[in-house]
Amino acid sequence: MKEISPEEYQKKIAQKEEFQLIDIREEFEVEYCGINGEHIPMAEILENTAKIRRDVPVIFHCQAGNRSKAVVYMLEKKHGYTNLYNLKGGVKGYATDIDDSLDCY
């Protein structure tokens, strides 16, 4: 499974690279703290695979990186995706390493 660090994610943004960001957390988590991206809760991923692009890198994230890691693994194994990345540390990692103004704890 491929992972991307918060620093690498930030570089993609700065270089205006095309990618899809998917937040798999629950609604209350998204309302509390977020780094944007499309919201598809983990429980709804399988019924929304048509929304997950295959033509650009797709970065999944959750709060700490564990749930999104499981989603990436499942989509790779069961649906043959090869363009998926897990954001290491999730939004907590991003807040710690990149933007400490986010209160994601």
PDB file of N, CA and C in Angstrom:
ATOM      1  N   MET A   1       0.843  -1.189   0.000  1.00  0.00           N
ATOM      2  CA  MET A   1       0.000   0.000   0.000  1.00  0.00           C
ATOM      3  C   MET A   1       0.879   1.239   0.000  1.00  0.00           C
ATOM      4  N   LYS A   2       0.448   2.205  -0.790  1.00  0.00           N
ATOM      5  CA  LYS A   2       1.203   3.451  -0.886  1.00  0.00           C
ATOM      6  C   LYS A   2       0.674   4.445   0.152  1.00  0.00           C
ATOM      7  N   GLU A   3       1.601   5.177   0.713  1.00  0.00           N
ATOM      8  CA  GLU A   3       1.227   6.235   1.656  1.00  0.00           C
ATOM      9  C   GLU A   3       1.889   7.523   1.206  1.00  0.00           C
ATOM     10  N   ILE A   4       1.312   8.615   1.665  1.00  0.00           N
ATOM     11  CA  ILE A   4       1.848   9.939   1.369  1.00  0.00           C
ATOM     12  C   ILE A   4       1.945  10.693   2.696  1.00  0.00           C
ATOM     13  N   SER A   5       3.057  11.356   2.900  1.00  0.00           N
ATOM     14  CA  SER A   5       3.243  12.114   4.136  1.00  0.00           C
ATOM     15  C   SER A   5       2.500  13.443   4.033  1.00  0.00           C
ATOM     16  N   PRO A   6       2.242  14.075   5.166  1.00  0.00           N
ATOM     17  CA  PRO A   6       1.636  15.410   5.117  1.00  0.00           C
ATOM     18  C   PRO A   6       2.474  16.393   4.294  1.00  0.00           C
ATOM     19  N   GLU A   7       3.794  16.271   4.357  1.00  0.00           N
ATOM     20  CA  GLU A   7       4.667  17.157   3.587  1.00  0.00           C
ATOM     21  C   GLU A   7       4.513  16.919   2.076  1.00  0.00           C
ATOM     22  N   GLU A   8       4.441  15.656   1.685  1.00  0.00           N
ATOM     23  CA  GLU A   8       4.250  15.329   0.269  1.00  0.00           C
ATOM     24  C   GLU A   8       2.883  15.798  -0.220  1.00  0.00           C
ATOM     25  N   TYR A   9       1.875  15.652   0.623  1.00  0.00           N
ATOM     26  CA  TYR A   9       0.528  16.130   0.293  1.00  0.00           C
ATOM     27  C   TYR A   9       0.555  17.651   0.087  1.00  0.00           C
ATOM     28  N   GLN A  10       1.219  18.347   0.991  1.00  0.00           N
ATOM     29  CA  GLN A  10       1.324  19.802   0.896  1.00  0.00           C
ATOM     30  C   GLN A  10       2.041  20.222  -0.387  1.00  0.00           C
ATOM     31  N   LYS A  11       3.063  19.458  -0.793  1.00  0.00           N
ATOM     32  CA  LYS A  11       3.782  19.745  -2.049  1.00  0.00           C
ATOM     33  C   LYS A  11       2.854  19.616  -3.246  1.00  0.00           C
ATOM     34  N   LYS A  12       2.003  18.598  -3.241  1.00  0.00           N
ATOM     35  CA  LYS A  12       1.046  18.415  -4.342  1.00  0.00           C
ATOM     36  C   LYS A  12       0.144  19.641  -4.464  1.00  0.00           C
ATOM     37  N   ILE A  13      -0.293  20.154  -3.327  1.00  0.00           N
ATOM     38  CA  ILE A  13      -1.141  21.344  -3.323  1.00  0.00           C
ATOM     39  C   ILE A  13      -0.357  22.534  -3.884  1.00  0.00           C
ATOM     40  N   ALA A  14       0.849  22.740  -3.369  1.00  0.00           N
ATOM     41  CA  ALA A  14       1.668  23.882  -3.786  1.00  0.00           C
ATOM     42  C   ALA A  14       1.999  23.835  -5.275  1.00  0.00           C
ATOM     43  N   GLN A  15       2.197  22.627  -5.803  1.00  0.00           N
ATOM     44  CA  GLN A  15       2.547  22.479  -7.213  1.00  0.00           C
ATOM     45  C   GLN A  15       1.312  22.358  -8.103  1.00  0.00           C
ATOM     46  N   LYS A  16       0.133  22.506  -7.480  1.00  0.00           N
ATOM     47  CA  LYS A  16      -1.144  22.455  -8.199  1.00  0.00           C
ATOM     48  C   LYS A  16      -1.319  21.164  -8.999  1.00  0.00           C
ATOM     49  N   GLU A  17      -0.846  20.061  -8.413  1.00  0.00           N
ATOM     50  CA  GLU A  17      -1.022  18.754  -9.044  1.00  0.00           C
ATOM     51  C   GLU A  17      -2.481  18.334  -8.934  1.00  0.00           C
ATOM     52  N   GLU A  18      -2.921  17.608  -9.929  1.00  0.00           N
ATOM     53  CA  GLU A  18      -4.295  17.121  -9.893  1.00  0.00           C
ATOM     54  C   GLU A  18      -4.345  15.827  -9.080  1.00  0.00           C
ATOM     55  N   PHE A  19      -5.265  15.783  -8.128  1.00  0.00           N
ATOM     56  CA  PHE A  19      -5.495  14.587  -7.322  1.00  0.00           C
ATOM     57  C   PHE A  19      -6.885  14.700  -6.716  1.00  0.00           C
ATOM     58  N   GLN A  20      -7.351  13.606  -6.153  1.00  0.00           N
ATOM     59  CA  GLN A  20      -8.629  13.598  -5.457  1.00  0.00           C
ATOM     60  C   GLN A  20      -8.351  13.305  -3.992  1.00  0.00           C
ATOM     61  N   LEU A  21      -8.954  14.081  -3.117  1.00  0.00           N
ATOM     62  CA  LEU A  21      -8.818  13.888  -1.674  1.00  0.00           C
ATOM     63  C   LEU A  21     -10.161  13.424  -1.135  1.00  0.00           C
ATOM     64  N   ILE A  22     -10.165  12.296  -0.425  1.00  0.00           N
ATOM     65  CA  ILE A  22     -11.411  11.759   0.124  1.00  0.00           C
ATOM     66  C   ILE A  22     -11.264  11.588   1.633  1.00  0.00           C
ATOM     67  N   ASP A  23     -12.172  12.216   2.354  1.00  0.00           N
ATOM     68  CA  ASP A  23     -12.244  12.151   3.812  1.00  0.00           C
ATOM     69  C   ASP A  23     -13.260  11.069   4.164  1.00  0.00           C
ATOM     70  N   ILE A  24     -12.819  10.011   4.855  1.00  0.00           N
ATOM     71  CA  ILE A  24     -13.722   8.896   5.155  1.00  0.00           C
ATOM     72  C   ILE A  24     -14.266   8.933   6.589  1.00  0.00           C
ATOM     73  N   ARG A  25     -14.033  10.029   7.287  1.00  0.00           N
ATOM     74  CA  ARG A  25     -14.488  10.118   8.678  1.00  0.00           C
ATOM     75  C   ARG A  25     -15.997  10.303   8.748  1.00  0.00           C
ATOM     76  N   GLU A  26     -16.523  10.185   9.945  1.00  0.00           N
ATOM     77  CA  GLU A  26     -17.945  10.414  10.188  1.00  0.00           C
ATOM     78  C   GLU A  26     -18.248  11.914  10.097  1.00  0.00           C
ATOM     79  N   GLU A  27     -19.502  12.230   9.872  1.00  0.00           N
ATOM     80  CA  GLU A  27     -19.924  13.624   9.683  1.00  0.00           C
ATOM     81  C   GLU A  27     -19.490  14.520  10.847  1.00  0.00           C
ATOM     82  N   PHE A  28     -19.673  14.063  12.084  1.00  0.00           N
ATOM     83  CA  PHE A  28     -19.317  14.905  13.235  1.00  0.00           C
ATOM     84  C   PHE A  28     -17.819  15.195  13.268  1.00  0.00           C
ATOM     85  N   GLU A  29     -16.991  14.270  12.774  1.00  0.00           N
ATOM     86  CA  GLU A  29     -15.549  14.501  12.736  1.00  0.00           C
ATOM     87  C   GLU A  29     -15.193  15.555  11.691  1.00  0.00           C
ATOM     88  N   VAL A  30     -15.872  15.489  10.561  1.00  0.00           N
ATOM     89  CA  VAL A  30     -15.632  16.446   9.478  1.00  0.00           C
ATOM     90  C   VAL A  30     -16.015  17.849   9.929  1.00  0.00           C
ATOM     91  N   GLU A  31     -17.137  17.957  10.638  1.00  0.00           N
ATOM     92  CA  GLU A  31     -17.595  19.260  11.132  1.00  0.00           C
ATOM     93  C   GLU A  31     -16.626  19.837  12.150  1.00  0.00           C
ATOM     94  N   TYR A  32     -15.980  18.975  12.913  1.00  0.00           N
ATOM     95  CA  TYR A  32     -15.066  19.401  13.970  1.00  0.00           C
ATOM     96  C   TYR A  32     -13.753  19.953  13.410  1.00  0.00           C
ATOM     97  N   CYS A  33     -13.197  19.251  12.425  1.00  0.00           N
ATOM     98  CA  CYS A  33     -11.905  19.641  11.885  1.00  0.00           C
ATOM     99  C   CYS A  33     -11.717  18.977  10.535  1.00  0.00           C
ATOM    100  N   GLY A  34     -11.199  19.708   9.564  1.00  0.00           N
ATOM    101  CA  GLY A  34     -11.001  19.101   8.263  1.00  0.00           C
ATOM    102  C   GLY A  34      -9.951  19.790   7.429  1.00  0.00           C
ATOM    103  N   ILE A  35      -9.550  19.091   6.376  1.00  0.00           N
ATOM    104  CA  ILE A  35      -8.585  19.649   5.424  1.00  0.00           C
ATOM    105  C   ILE A  35      -9.188  19.640   4.019  1.00  0.00           C
ATOM    106  N   ASN A  36     -10.505  19.724   3.974  1.00  0.00           N
ATOM    107  CA  ASN A  36     -11.256  19.759   2.725  1.00  0.00           C
ATOM    108  C   ASN A  36     -11.322  18.377   2.092  1.00  0.00           C
ATOM    109  N   GLY A  37     -11.587  18.332   0.834  1.00  0.00           N
ATOM    110  CA  GLY A  37     -11.743  17.053   0.160  1.00  0.00           C
ATOM    111  C   GLY A  37     -13.193  16.609   0.142  1.00  0.00           C
ATOM    112  N   GLU A  38     -13.435  15.591  -0.636  1.00  0.00           N
ATOM    113  CA  GLU A  38     -14.772  15.028  -0.759  1.00  0.00           C
ATOM    114  C   GLU A  38     -15.048  14.127   0.441  1.00  0.00           C
ATOM    115  N   HIS A  39     -16.247  14.228   0.995  1.00  0.00           N
ATOM    116  CA  HIS A  39     -16.585  13.416   2.155  1.00  0.00           C
ATOM    117  C   HIS A  39     -17.393  12.195   1.730  1.00  0.00           C
ATOM    118  N   ILE A  40     -16.807  11.023   1.910  1.00  0.00           N
ATOM    119  CA  ILE A  40     -17.508   9.754   1.727  1.00  0.00           C
ATOM    120  C   ILE A  40     -17.205   8.927   2.975  1.00  0.00           C
ATOM    121  N   PRO A  41     -18.160   8.825   3.901  1.00  0.00           N
ATOM    122  CA  PRO A  41     -17.904   8.067   5.129  1.00  0.00           C
ATOM    123  C   PRO A  41     -17.451   6.632   4.829  1.00  0.00           C
ATOM    124  N   MET A  42     -16.619   6.099   5.684  1.00  0.00           N
ATOM    125  CA  MET A  42     -16.066   4.758   5.496  1.00  0.00           C
ATOM    126  C   MET A  42     -17.158   3.725   5.214  1.00  0.00           C
ATOM    127  N   ALA A  43     -18.248   3.799   5.922  1.00  0.00           N
ATOM    128  CA  ALA A  43     -19.331   2.828   5.766  1.00  0.00           C
ATOM    129  C   ALA A  43     -20.011   2.918   4.398  1.00  0.00           C
ATOM    130  N   GLU A  44     -19.788   4.012   3.676  1.00  0.00           N
ATOM    131  CA  GLU A  44     -20.444   4.208   2.385  1.00  0.00           C
ATOM    132  C   GLU A  44     -19.489   4.088   1.192  1.00  0.00           C
ATOM    133  N   ILE A  45     -18.240   3.730   1.452  1.00  0.00           N
ATOM    134  CA  ILE A  45     -17.240   3.662   0.378  1.00  0.00           C
ATOM    135  C   ILE A  45     -17.648   2.675  -0.705  1.00  0.00           C
ATOM    136  N   LEU A  46     -18.030   1.462  -0.340  1.00  0.00           N
ATOM    137  CA  LEU A  46     -18.317   0.436  -1.343  1.00  0.00           C
ATOM    138  C   LEU A  46     -19.487   0.795  -2.244  1.00  0.00           C
ATOM    139  N   GLU A  47     -20.450   1.527  -1.731  1.00  0.00           N
ATOM    140  CA  GLU A  47     -21.576   1.930  -2.579  1.00  0.00           C
ATOM    141  C   GLU A  47     -21.279   3.200  -3.369  1.00  0.00           C
ATOM    142  N   ASN A  48     -20.096   3.760  -3.184  1.00  0.00           N
ATOM    143  CA  ASN A  48     -19.716   4.986  -3.885  1.00  0.00           C
ATOM    144  C   ASN A  48     -18.420   4.844  -4.676  1.00  0.00           C
ATOM    145  N   THR A  49     -18.070   3.635  -5.071  1.00  0.00           N
ATOM    146  CA  THR A  49     -16.815   3.453  -5.818  1.00  0.00           C
ATOM    147  C   THR A  49     -16.813   4.213  -7.140  1.00  0.00           C
ATOM    148  N   ALA A  50     -17.979   4.493  -7.695  1.00  0.00           N
ATOM    149  CA  ALA A  50     -18.042   5.254  -8.952  1.00  0.00           C
ATOM    150  C   ALA A  50     -17.519   6.684  -8.771  1.00  0.00           C
ATOM    151  N   LYS A  51     -17.499   7.173  -7.550  1.00  0.00           N
ATOM    152  CA  LYS A  51     -17.002   8.524  -7.273  1.00  0.00           C
ATOM    153  C   LYS A  51     -15.480   8.569  -7.104  1.00  0.00           C
ATOM    154  N   ILE A  52     -14.858   7.402  -6.993  1.00  0.00           N
ATOM    155  CA  ILE A  52     -13.416   7.335  -6.764  1.00  0.00           C
ATOM    156  C   ILE A  52     -12.716   7.245  -8.121  1.00  0.00           C
ATOM    157  N   ARG A  53     -11.959   8.271  -8.428  1.00  0.00           N
ATOM    158  CA  ARG A  53     -11.321   8.371  -9.744  1.00  0.00           C
ATOM    159  C   ARG A  53     -10.211   7.332  -9.897  1.00  0.00           C
ATOM    160  N   ARG A  54      -9.989   6.955 -11.131  1.00  0.00           N
ATOM    161  CA  ARG A  54      -8.910   6.020 -11.456  1.00  0.00           C
ATOM    162  C   ARG A  54      -7.829   6.688 -12.302  1.00  0.00           C
ATOM    163  N   ASP A  55      -8.075   7.934 -12.712  1.00  0.00           N
ATOM    164  CA  ASP A  55      -7.170   8.623 -13.633  1.00  0.00           C
ATOM    165  C   ASP A  55      -6.200   9.588 -12.968  1.00  0.00           C
ATOM    166  N   VAL A  56      -6.327   9.784 -11.673  1.00  0.00           N
ATOM    167  CA  VAL A  56      -5.422  10.658 -10.914  1.00  0.00           C
ATOM    168  C   VAL A  56      -5.130   9.994  -9.570  1.00  0.00           C
ATOM    169  N   PRO A  57      -4.073  10.430  -8.884  1.00  0.00           N
ATOM    170  CA  PRO A  57      -3.852   9.909  -7.537  1.00  0.00           C
ATOM    171  C   PRO A  57      -5.046  10.255  -6.634  1.00  0.00           C
ATOM    172  N   VAL A  58      -5.440   9.300  -5.808  1.00  0.00           N
ATOM    173  CA  VAL A  58      -6.537   9.507  -4.859  1.00  0.00           C
ATOM    174  C   VAL A  58      -5.957   9.323  -3.468  1.00  0.00           C
ATOM    175  N   ILE A  59      -6.090  10.362  -2.642  1.00  0.00           N
ATOM    176  CA  ILE A  59      -5.562  10.342  -1.283  1.00  0.00           C
ATOM    177  C   ILE A  59      -6.738  10.213  -0.318  1.00  0.00           C
ATOM    178  N   PHE A  60      -6.705   9.158   0.494  1.00  0.00           N
ATOM    179  CA  PHE A  60      -7.729   8.945   1.512  1.00  0.00           C
ATOM    180  C   PHE A  60      -7.174   9.382   2.855  1.00  0.00           C
ATOM    181  N   HIS A  61      -8.060   9.955   3.669  1.00  0.00           N
ATOM    182  CA  HIS A  61      -7.620  10.283   5.022  1.00  0.00           C
ATOM    183  C   HIS A  61      -8.762  10.121   6.014  1.00  0.00           C
ATOM    184  N   CYS A  62      -8.350   9.917   7.257  1.00  0.00           N
ATOM    185  CA  CYS A  62      -9.286   9.860   8.381  1.00  0.00           C
ATOM    186  C   CYS A  62      -8.657  10.696   9.492  1.00  0.00           C
ATOM    187  N   GLN A  63      -8.954  10.394  10.723  1.00  0.00           N
ATOM    188  CA  GLN A  63      -8.424  11.185  11.826  1.00  0.00           C
ATOM    189  C   GLN A  63      -6.933  10.931  12.060  1.00  0.00           C
ATOM    190  N   ALA A  64      -6.547   9.636  12.107  1.00  0.00           N
ATOM    191  CA  ALA A  64      -5.151   9.309  12.415  1.00  0.00           C
ATOM    192  C   ALA A  64      -4.478   8.428  11.367  1.00  0.00           C
ATOM    193  N   GLY A  65      -5.196   7.998  10.352  1.00  0.00           N
ATOM    194  CA  GLY A  65      -4.598   7.220   9.274  1.00  0.00           C
ATOM    195  C   GLY A  65      -4.880   5.736   9.281  1.00  0.00           C
ATOM    196  N   ASN A  66      -5.520   5.233  10.324  1.00  0.00           N
ATOM    197  CA  ASN A  66      -5.757   3.796  10.403  1.00  0.00           C
ATOM    198  C   ASN A  66      -6.971   3.340   9.588  1.00  0.00           C
ATOM    199  N   ARG A  67      -8.078   4.029   9.705  1.00  0.00           N
ATOM    200  CA  ARG A  67      -9.269   3.655   8.940  1.00  0.00           C
ATOM    201  C   ARG A  67      -9.031   3.837   7.449  1.00  0.00           C
ATOM    202  N   SER A  68      -8.382   4.939   7.077  1.00  0.00           N
ATOM    203  CA  SER A  68      -8.125   5.169   5.648  1.00  0.00           C
ATOM    204  C   SER A  68      -7.154   4.123   5.099  1.00  0.00           C
ATOM    205  N   LYS A  69      -6.230   3.653   5.909  1.00  0.00           N
ATOM    206  CA  LYS A  69      -5.319   2.593   5.492  1.00  0.00           C
ATOM    207  C   LYS A  69      -6.124   1.329   5.154  1.00  0.00           C
ATOM    208  N   ALA A  70      -7.098   1.008   5.974  1.00  0.00           N
ATOM    209  CA  ALA A  70      -7.943  -0.167   5.728  1.00  0.00           C
ATOM    210  C   ALA A  70      -8.767  -0.001   4.450  1.00  0.00           C
ATOM    211  N   VAL A  71      -9.272   1.200   4.210  1.00  0.00           N
ATOM    212  CA  VAL A  71     -10.058   1.469   3.001  1.00  0.00           C
ATOM    213  C   VAL A  71      -9.183   1.324   1.757  1.00  0.00           C
ATOM    214  N   VAL A  72      -7.995   1.876   1.779  1.00  0.00           N
ATOM    215  CA  VAL A  72      -7.087   1.764   0.636  1.00  0.00           C
ATOM    216  C   VAL A  72      -6.791   0.286   0.355  1.00  0.00           C
ATOM    217  N   TYR A  73      -6.477  -0.452   1.389  1.00  0.00           N
ATOM    218  CA  TYR A  73      -6.171  -1.877   1.233  1.00  0.00           C
ATOM    219  C   TYR A  73      -7.348  -2.616   0.610  1.00  0.00           C
ATOM    220  N   MET A  74      -8.546  -2.386   1.121  1.00  0.00           N
ATOM    221  CA  MET A  74      -9.744  -3.062   0.621  1.00  0.00           C
ATOM    222  C   MET A  74     -10.002  -2.715  -0.843  1.00  0.00           C
ATOM    223  N   LEU A  75      -9.921  -1.444  -1.197  1.00  0.00           N
ATOM    224  CA  LEU A  75     -10.185  -1.034  -2.578  1.00  0.00           C
ATOM    225  C   LEU A  75      -9.136  -1.584  -3.545  1.00  0.00           C
ATOM    226  N   GLU A  76      -7.898  -1.666  -3.104  1.00  0.00           N
ATOM    227  CA  GLU A  76      -6.858  -2.248  -3.948  1.00  0.00           C
ATOM    228  C   GLU A  76      -7.104  -3.738  -4.167  1.00  0.00           C
ATOM    229  N   LYS A  77      -7.413  -4.455  -3.117  1.00  0.00           N
ATOM    230  CA  LYS A  77      -7.581  -5.905  -3.200  1.00  0.00           C
ATOM    231  C   LYS A  77      -8.886  -6.316  -3.871  1.00  0.00           C
ATOM    232  N   LYS A  78      -9.981  -5.642  -3.552  1.00  0.00           N
ATOM    233  CA  LYS A  78     -11.296  -6.067  -4.053  1.00  0.00           C
ATOM    234  C   LYS A  78     -11.721  -5.388  -5.343  1.00  0.00           C
ATOM    235  N   HIS A  79     -11.166  -4.215  -5.638  1.00  0.00           N
ATOM    236  CA  HIS A  79     -11.620  -3.456  -6.805  1.00  0.00           C
ATOM    237  C   HIS A  79     -10.494  -3.091  -7.769  1.00  0.00           C
ATOM    238  N   GLY A  80      -9.285  -3.523  -7.478  1.00  0.00           N
ATOM    239  CA  GLY A  80      -8.188  -3.366  -8.424  1.00  0.00           C
ATOM    240  C   GLY A  80      -7.633  -1.964  -8.602  1.00  0.00           C
ATOM    241  N   TYR A  81      -7.897  -1.065  -7.679  1.00  0.00           N
ATOM    242  CA  TYR A  81      -7.327   0.283  -7.773  1.00  0.00           C
ATOM    243  C   TYR A  81      -5.804   0.211  -7.617  1.00  0.00           C
ATOM    244  N   THR A  82      -5.109   1.051  -8.377  1.00  0.00           N
ATOM    245  CA  THR A  82      -3.644   1.111  -8.282  1.00  0.00           C
ATOM    246  C   THR A  82      -3.148   2.532  -8.023  1.00  0.00           C
ATOM    247  N   ASN A  83      -4.071   3.472  -7.862  1.00  0.00           N
ATOM    248  CA  ASN A  83      -3.718   4.889  -7.745  1.00  0.00           C
ATOM    249  C   ASN A  83      -4.069   5.482  -6.377  1.00  0.00           C
ATOM    250  N   LEU A  84      -4.189   4.638  -5.358  1.00  0.00           N
ATOM    251  CA  LEU A  84      -4.648   5.098  -4.051  1.00  0.00           C
ATOM    252  C   LEU A  84      -3.495   5.294  -3.081  1.00  0.00           C
ATOM    253  N   TYR A  85      -3.662   6.302  -2.221  1.00  0.00           N
ATOM    254  CA  TYR A  85      -2.670   6.631  -1.195  1.00  0.00           C
ATOM    255  C   TYR A  85      -3.375   6.873   0.131  1.00  0.00           C
ATOM    256  N   ASN A  86      -2.724   6.486   1.197  1.00  0.00           N
ATOM    257  CA  ASN A  86      -3.190   6.796   2.537  1.00  0.00           C
ATOM    258  C   ASN A  86      -2.382   7.989   3.054  1.00  0.00           C
ATOM    259  N   LEU A  87      -3.064   8.989   3.605  1.00  0.00           N
ATOM    260  CA  LEU A  87      -2.357  10.125   4.209  1.00  0.00           C
ATOM    261  C   LEU A  87      -1.854   9.689   5.580  1.00  0.00           C
ATOM    262  N   LYS A  88      -0.538   9.571   5.711  1.00  0.00           N
ATOM    263  CA  LYS A  88       0.072   9.138   6.973  1.00  0.00           C
ATOM    264  C   LYS A  88      -0.321  10.080   8.102  1.00  0.00           C
ATOM    265  N   GLY A  89      -0.833   9.508   9.161  1.00  0.00           N
ATOM    266  CA  GLY A  89      -1.188  10.311  10.332  1.00  0.00           C
ATOM    267  C   GLY A  89      -2.523  11.015  10.234  1.00  0.00           C
ATOM    268  N   GLY A  90      -3.191  10.941   9.090  1.00  0.00           N
ATOM    269  CA  GLY A  90      -4.500  11.563   8.911  1.00  0.00           C
ATOM    270  C   GLY A  90      -4.482  13.064   9.157  1.00  0.00           C
ATOM    271  N   VAL A  91      -5.640  13.611   9.544  1.00  0.00           N
ATOM    272  CA  VAL A  91      -5.697  15.059   9.785  1.00  0.00           C
ATOM    273  C   VAL A  91      -4.887  15.444  11.014  1.00  0.00           C
ATOM    274  N   LYS A  92      -4.759  14.530  11.970  1.00  0.00           N
ATOM    275  CA  LYS A  92      -3.915  14.832  13.130  1.00  0.00           C
ATOM    276  C   LYS A  92      -2.469  15.024  12.697  1.00  0.00           C
ATOM    277  N   GLY A  93      -1.986  14.153  11.827  1.00  0.00           N
ATOM    278  CA  GLY A  93      -0.623  14.281  11.324  1.00  0.00           C
ATOM    279  C   GLY A  93      -0.433  15.558  10.530  1.00  0.00           C
ATOM    280  N   TYR A  94      -1.440  15.888   9.721  1.00  0.00           N
ATOM    281  CA  TYR A  94      -1.367  17.120   8.937  1.00  0.00           C
ATOM    282  C   TYR A  94      -1.333  18.336   9.871  1.00  0.00           C
ATOM    283  N   ALA A  95      -2.185  18.326  10.877  1.00  0.00           N
ATOM    284  CA  ALA A  95      -2.219  19.444  11.827  1.00  0.00           C
ATOM    285  C   ALA A  95      -0.889  19.573  12.575  1.00  0.00           C
ATOM    286  N   THR A  96      -0.312  18.462  12.955  1.00  0.00           N
ATOM    287  CA  THR A  96       0.954  18.478  13.691  1.00  0.00           C
ATOM    288  C   THR A  96       2.113  18.922  12.816  1.00  0.00           C
ATOM    289  N   ASP A  97       2.184  18.374  11.591  1.00  0.00           N
ATOM    290  CA  ASP A  97       3.348  18.612  10.734  1.00  0.00           C
ATOM    291  C   ASP A  97       3.254  19.852   9.851  1.00  0.00           C
ATOM    292  N   ILE A  98       2.027  20.263   9.482  1.00  0.00           N
ATOM    293  CA  ILE A  98       1.870  21.323   8.486  1.00  0.00           C
ATOM    294  C   ILE A  98       1.125  22.546   9.013  1.00  0.00           C
ATOM    295  N   ASP A  99      -0.019  22.333   9.648  1.00  0.00           N
ATOM    296  CA  ASP A  99      -0.880  23.464  10.015  1.00  0.00           C
ATOM    297  C   ASP A  99      -1.354  23.335  11.461  1.00  0.00           C
ATOM    298  N   ASP A 100      -0.544  23.855  12.373  1.00  0.00           N
ATOM    299  CA  ASP A 100      -0.892  23.707  13.784  1.00  0.00           C
ATOM    300  C   ASP A 100      -2.037  24.623  14.222  1.00  0.00           C
ATOM    301  N   SER A 101      -2.591  25.392  13.287  1.00  0.00           N
ATOM    302  CA  SER A 101      -3.776  26.188  13.623  1.00  0.00           C
ATOM    303  C   SER A 101      -5.035  25.326  13.640  1.00  0.00           C
ATOM    304  N   LEU A 102      -4.945  24.118  13.049  1.00  0.00           N
ATOM    305  CA  LEU A 102      -6.077  23.188  13.071  1.00  0.00           C
ATOM    306  C   LEU A 102      -6.156  22.514  14.435  1.00  0.00           C
ATOM    307  N   ASP A 103      -7.327  22.475  14.990  1.00  0.00           N
ATOM    308  CA  ASP A 103      -7.524  21.829  16.295  1.00  0.00           C
ATOM    309  C   ASP A 103      -8.215  20.487  16.047  1.00  0.00           C
ATOM    310  N   CYS A 104      -7.409  19.491  15.692  1.00  0.00           N
ATOM    311  CA  CYS A 104      -7.953  18.185  15.297  1.00  0.00           C
ATOM    312  C   CYS A 104      -7.718  17.107  16.339  1.00  0.00           C
ATOM    313  N   TYR A 105      -7.668  17.476  17.582  1.00  0.00           N
ATOM    314  CA  TYR A 105      -7.333  16.474  18.603  1.00  0.00           C
ATOM    315  C   TYR A 105      -8.499  16.152  19.421  1.00  0.00           C
TER     316      TYR A 105
END
